[in-house]
């Protein structure tokens, strides 16, 4: 059984953490700020190492834009550039060992 922890970062990202991965999306507060998302700008490339606090993507909505940050050290594993994730996940990081 995979243990998952759901929490929010001080910068507003919603994070689901498992042993190997961290999935990141917008919190409800950030969704109100941005409105419906229309575009995602990639700052880090898939496969690139990231450190906790590094900017990973910028998402733009009809009302505003926000930068989202890496919640941990690791490697950028996946980015939803087309904004098609049914659960709203915007990127996934494989945690550093």
N, C-alpha and C. Protein backbone atom coordinates (compact mmCIF):
# COMPACT_ATOMS: atom_id res chain seq x y z
N UNK A 1 0.84 -1.18 0.00
CA UNK A 1 0.00 0.00 0.00
C UNK A 1 0.88 1.24 0.00
N UNK A 2 0.58 2.17 -0.87
CA UNK A 2 1.34 3.41 -0.99
C UNK A 2 0.76 4.44 -0.03
N UNK A 3 1.61 4.99 0.82
CA UNK A 3 1.19 6.04 1.74
C UNK A 3 1.27 7.38 1.02
N UNK A 4 0.22 8.20 1.13
CA UNK A 4 0.21 9.52 0.51
C UNK A 4 -0.09 10.57 1.57
N UNK A 5 0.60 11.70 1.45
CA UNK A 5 0.37 12.82 2.34
C UNK A 5 -0.05 14.02 1.49
N UNK A 6 -1.12 14.65 1.88
CA UNK A 6 -1.66 15.80 1.17
C UNK A 6 -1.43 17.04 2.03
N UNK A 7 -0.73 18.05 1.50
CA UNK A 7 -0.51 19.27 2.27
C UNK A 7 -0.35 20.46 1.34
N UNK A 8 -0.29 21.65 1.95
CA UNK A 8 -0.17 22.90 1.21
C UNK A 8 1.12 23.61 1.61
N UNK A 9 1.81 24.18 0.61
CA UNK A 9 3.01 24.97 0.89
C UNK A 9 2.61 26.40 1.22
N UNK A 10 3.48 27.12 1.87
CA UNK A 10 3.21 28.51 2.24
C UNK A 10 2.99 29.38 0.99
N UNK A 11 3.58 28.98 -0.14
CA UNK A 11 3.42 29.73 -1.38
C UNK A 11 2.13 29.38 -2.13
N UNK A 12 1.33 28.45 -1.59
CA UNK A 12 0.02 28.17 -2.14
C UNK A 12 -0.12 26.90 -2.96
N UNK A 13 0.97 26.16 -3.19
CA UNK A 13 0.87 24.94 -3.96
C UNK A 13 0.23 23.83 -3.11
N UNK A 14 -0.58 23.00 -3.75
CA UNK A 14 -1.10 21.79 -3.12
C UNK A 14 -0.18 20.65 -3.53
N UNK A 15 0.24 19.84 -2.57
CA UNK A 15 1.20 18.77 -2.83
C UNK A 15 0.66 17.45 -2.31
N UNK A 16 0.77 16.41 -3.13
CA UNK A 16 0.53 15.04 -2.70
C UNK A 16 1.89 14.35 -2.74
N UNK A 17 2.33 13.85 -1.60
CA UNK A 17 3.65 13.22 -1.51
C UNK A 17 3.51 11.73 -1.28
N UNK A 18 4.29 10.95 -2.03
CA UNK A 18 4.44 9.52 -1.80
C UNK A 18 5.91 9.27 -1.51
N UNK A 19 6.29 8.02 -1.36
CA UNK A 19 7.69 7.71 -1.09
C UNK A 19 8.61 8.19 -2.21
N UNK A 20 8.17 8.06 -3.46
CA UNK A 20 9.05 8.34 -4.59
C UNK A 20 8.74 9.66 -5.32
N UNK A 21 7.50 10.13 -5.26
CA UNK A 21 7.10 11.28 -6.08
C UNK A 21 6.37 12.33 -5.26
N UNK A 22 6.38 13.55 -5.80
CA UNK A 22 5.56 14.64 -5.27
C UNK A 22 4.81 15.26 -6.43
N UNK A 23 3.47 15.29 -6.35
CA UNK A 23 2.63 15.89 -7.37
C UNK A 23 2.19 17.26 -6.89
N UNK A 24 2.21 18.23 -7.79
CA UNK A 24 1.92 19.62 -7.41
C UNK A 24 0.78 20.18 -8.26
N UNK A 25 -0.14 20.87 -7.59
CA UNK A 25 -1.23 21.58 -8.27
C UNK A 25 -1.46 22.90 -7.53
N UNK A 26 -2.45 23.64 -7.98
CA UNK A 26 -2.80 24.90 -7.32
C UNK A 26 -3.76 24.64 -6.16
N UNK A 27 -3.60 25.41 -5.10
CA UNK A 27 -4.58 25.37 -4.01
C UNK A 27 -5.82 26.13 -4.47
N UNK A 28 -6.90 25.98 -3.72
CA UNK A 28 -8.14 26.70 -4.05
C UNK A 28 -7.91 28.21 -4.03
N UNK A 29 -7.08 28.67 -3.10
CA UNK A 29 -6.78 30.11 -3.00
C UNK A 29 -6.11 30.62 -4.28
N UNK A 30 -5.14 29.85 -4.82
CA UNK A 30 -4.47 30.25 -6.05
C UNK A 30 -5.39 30.14 -7.26
N UNK A 31 -6.30 29.18 -7.25
CA UNK A 31 -7.25 29.05 -8.36
C UNK A 31 -8.17 30.27 -8.43
N UNK A 32 -8.55 30.80 -7.27
CA UNK A 32 -9.38 32.02 -7.25
C UNK A 32 -8.58 33.17 -7.83
N UNK A 33 -7.29 33.25 -7.48
CA UNK A 33 -6.43 34.34 -7.96
C UNK A 33 -6.22 34.27 -9.47
N UNK A 34 -5.97 33.06 -10.01
CA UNK A 34 -5.65 32.94 -11.44
C UNK A 34 -6.89 32.82 -12.32
N UNK A 35 -7.97 32.31 -11.79
CA UNK A 35 -9.12 32.00 -12.63
C UNK A 35 -8.82 30.73 -13.42
N UNK A 36 -9.59 30.46 -14.46
CA UNK A 36 -9.35 29.28 -15.28
C UNK A 36 -7.98 29.36 -15.93
N UNK A 37 -7.24 28.26 -15.87
CA UNK A 37 -5.89 28.26 -16.44
C UNK A 37 -5.95 28.17 -17.96
N UNK A 38 -5.08 28.94 -18.60
CA UNK A 38 -5.06 28.96 -20.06
C UNK A 38 -3.69 28.62 -20.64
N UNK A 39 -2.63 28.77 -19.85
CA UNK A 39 -1.29 28.52 -20.40
C UNK A 39 -0.32 28.16 -19.28
N UNK A 40 0.63 27.30 -19.60
CA UNK A 40 1.67 26.90 -18.67
C UNK A 40 3.02 27.16 -19.33
N UNK A 41 3.86 27.96 -18.68
CA UNK A 41 5.22 28.22 -19.15
C UNK A 41 6.16 27.31 -18.36
N UNK A 42 6.93 26.53 -19.05
CA UNK A 42 7.88 25.64 -18.41
C UNK A 42 9.16 26.41 -18.12
N UNK A 43 9.64 26.37 -16.87
CA UNK A 43 10.92 26.98 -16.51
C UNK A 43 12.01 25.90 -16.48
N UNK A 44 11.70 24.77 -15.86
CA UNK A 44 12.64 23.65 -15.80
C UNK A 44 12.23 22.61 -16.84
N UNK A 45 13.21 21.89 -17.36
CA UNK A 45 12.95 20.85 -18.36
C UNK A 45 12.76 19.49 -17.68
N UNK A 46 11.94 18.64 -18.29
CA UNK A 46 11.75 17.29 -17.77
C UNK A 46 13.09 16.57 -17.72
N UNK A 47 13.35 15.91 -16.60
CA UNK A 47 14.62 15.20 -16.41
C UNK A 47 15.67 16.05 -15.72
N UNK A 48 15.44 17.34 -15.65
CA UNK A 48 16.40 18.26 -15.03
C UNK A 48 16.31 18.17 -13.51
N UNK A 49 17.46 18.19 -12.82
CA UNK A 49 17.42 18.22 -11.36
C UNK A 49 16.89 19.58 -10.87
N UNK A 50 16.09 19.53 -9.81
CA UNK A 50 15.57 20.75 -9.19
C UNK A 50 15.83 20.69 -7.69
N UNK A 51 15.97 21.85 -7.10
CA UNK A 51 16.17 21.94 -5.66
C UNK A 51 14.93 22.56 -5.04
N UNK A 52 14.70 22.24 -3.80
CA UNK A 52 13.54 22.79 -3.08
C UNK A 52 13.56 24.31 -3.20
N UNK A 53 12.42 24.88 -3.63
CA UNK A 53 12.29 26.32 -3.77
C UNK A 53 12.58 26.84 -5.17
N UNK A 54 13.11 25.99 -6.06
CA UNK A 54 13.34 26.41 -7.45
C UNK A 54 12.00 26.61 -8.16
N UNK A 55 11.91 27.65 -8.98
CA UNK A 55 10.72 27.84 -9.81
C UNK A 55 10.69 26.76 -10.88
N UNK A 56 9.56 26.10 -11.04
CA UNK A 56 9.43 25.00 -12.00
C UNK A 56 8.56 25.42 -13.19
N UNK A 57 7.41 26.01 -12.93
CA UNK A 57 6.51 26.46 -14.00
C UNK A 57 5.85 27.78 -13.59
N UNK A 58 5.34 28.47 -14.59
CA UNK A 58 4.46 29.62 -14.38
C UNK A 58 3.15 29.26 -15.06
N UNK A 59 2.05 29.38 -14.33
CA UNK A 59 0.74 29.12 -14.93
C UNK A 59 -0.01 30.44 -15.04
N UNK A 60 -0.66 30.61 -16.19
CA UNK A 60 -1.44 31.82 -16.45
C UNK A 60 -2.90 31.46 -16.53
N UNK A 61 -3.71 32.29 -15.88
CA UNK A 61 -5.15 32.16 -15.97
C UNK A 61 -5.74 33.44 -16.55
N UNK A 62 -7.06 33.48 -16.63
CA UNK A 62 -7.71 34.67 -17.16
C UNK A 62 -7.52 35.88 -16.24
N UNK A 63 -7.30 35.64 -14.95
CA UNK A 63 -7.21 36.73 -13.98
C UNK A 63 -5.79 37.07 -13.54
N UNK A 64 -4.87 36.12 -13.64
CA UNK A 64 -3.51 36.36 -13.16
C UNK A 64 -2.60 35.18 -13.44
N UNK A 65 -1.34 35.35 -13.06
CA UNK A 65 -0.34 34.30 -13.27
C UNK A 65 0.44 34.08 -11.97
N UNK A 66 0.89 32.84 -11.76
CA UNK A 66 1.69 32.52 -10.57
C UNK A 66 2.83 31.57 -10.95
N UNK A 67 3.95 31.71 -10.23
CA UNK A 67 5.05 30.76 -10.33
C UNK A 67 4.82 29.66 -9.32
N UNK A 68 5.12 28.42 -9.71
CA UNK A 68 5.03 27.30 -8.79
C UNK A 68 6.43 26.76 -8.55
N UNK A 69 6.69 26.37 -7.31
CA UNK A 69 8.04 26.01 -6.88
C UNK A 69 8.15 24.54 -6.52
N UNK A 70 9.36 24.01 -6.61
CA UNK A 70 9.64 22.63 -6.24
C UNK A 70 9.50 22.47 -4.73
N UNK A 71 8.71 21.50 -4.27
CA UNK A 71 8.54 21.30 -2.84
C UNK A 71 9.66 20.49 -2.19
N UNK A 72 10.56 19.94 -3.03
CA UNK A 72 11.64 19.10 -2.51
C UNK A 72 12.77 19.05 -3.55
N UNK A 73 13.91 18.52 -3.13
CA UNK A 73 14.99 18.25 -4.08
C UNK A 73 14.63 17.00 -4.87
N UNK A 74 15.00 16.98 -6.14
CA UNK A 74 14.72 15.80 -6.96
C UNK A 74 14.90 16.10 -8.43
N UNK A 75 14.16 15.36 -9.25
CA UNK A 75 14.24 15.47 -10.69
C UNK A 75 12.84 15.71 -11.23
N UNK A 76 12.69 16.71 -12.11
CA UNK A 76 11.40 16.97 -12.72
C UNK A 76 11.02 15.78 -13.59
N UNK A 77 9.90 15.15 -13.26
CA UNK A 77 9.51 13.90 -13.91
C UNK A 77 8.47 14.11 -15.01
N UNK A 78 7.52 15.01 -14.78
CA UNK A 78 6.39 15.19 -15.71
C UNK A 78 5.82 16.58 -15.56
N UNK A 79 5.42 17.19 -16.68
CA UNK A 79 4.76 18.50 -16.68
C UNK A 79 3.54 18.43 -17.59
N UNK A 80 2.41 18.91 -17.11
CA UNK A 80 1.17 18.91 -17.89
C UNK A 80 1.07 20.22 -18.69
N UNK A 81 1.86 20.30 -19.76
CA UNK A 81 1.89 21.54 -20.56
C UNK A 81 0.56 21.85 -21.22
N UNK A 82 -0.22 20.84 -21.51
CA UNK A 82 -1.50 21.06 -22.20
C UNK A 82 -2.66 21.31 -21.22
N UNK A 83 -2.37 21.26 -19.91
CA UNK A 83 -3.36 21.47 -18.87
C UNK A 83 -4.55 20.52 -19.01
N UNK A 84 -4.25 19.24 -19.21
CA UNK A 84 -5.28 18.23 -19.43
C UNK A 84 -5.43 17.24 -18.29
N UNK A 85 -4.63 17.35 -17.24
CA UNK A 85 -4.72 16.41 -16.12
C UNK A 85 -6.11 16.48 -15.49
N UNK A 86 -6.82 15.34 -15.39
CA UNK A 86 -8.18 15.38 -14.85
C UNK A 86 -8.22 15.79 -13.38
N UNK A 87 -7.11 15.65 -12.67
CA UNK A 87 -7.08 16.00 -11.24
C UNK A 87 -6.38 17.34 -10.98
N UNK A 88 -5.97 18.03 -12.05
CA UNK A 88 -5.37 19.34 -11.90
C UNK A 88 -3.88 19.34 -11.58
N UNK A 89 -3.23 18.17 -11.64
CA UNK A 89 -1.80 18.13 -11.35
C UNK A 89 -1.04 18.85 -12.46
N UNK A 90 -0.10 19.70 -12.07
CA UNK A 90 0.63 20.49 -13.04
C UNK A 90 2.04 19.95 -13.29
N UNK A 91 2.66 19.37 -12.27
CA UNK A 91 3.95 18.70 -12.47
C UNK A 91 4.21 17.70 -11.37
N UNK A 92 5.13 16.78 -11.67
CA UNK A 92 5.52 15.74 -10.72
C UNK A 92 7.04 15.74 -10.60
N UNK A 93 7.52 15.60 -9.38
CA UNK A 93 8.96 15.53 -9.12
C UNK A 93 9.28 14.16 -8.51
N UNK A 94 10.31 13.52 -9.07
CA UNK A 94 10.82 12.28 -8.47
C UNK A 94 11.76 12.73 -7.36
N UNK A 95 11.47 12.33 -6.14
CA UNK A 95 12.25 12.76 -4.98
C UNK A 95 13.67 12.25 -5.04
N UNK A 96 14.61 13.09 -4.55
CA UNK A 96 16.00 12.67 -4.45
C UNK A 96 16.13 11.61 -3.36
N UNK A 97 17.06 10.69 -3.55
CA UNK A 97 17.21 9.60 -2.58
C UNK A 97 18.11 9.97 -1.44
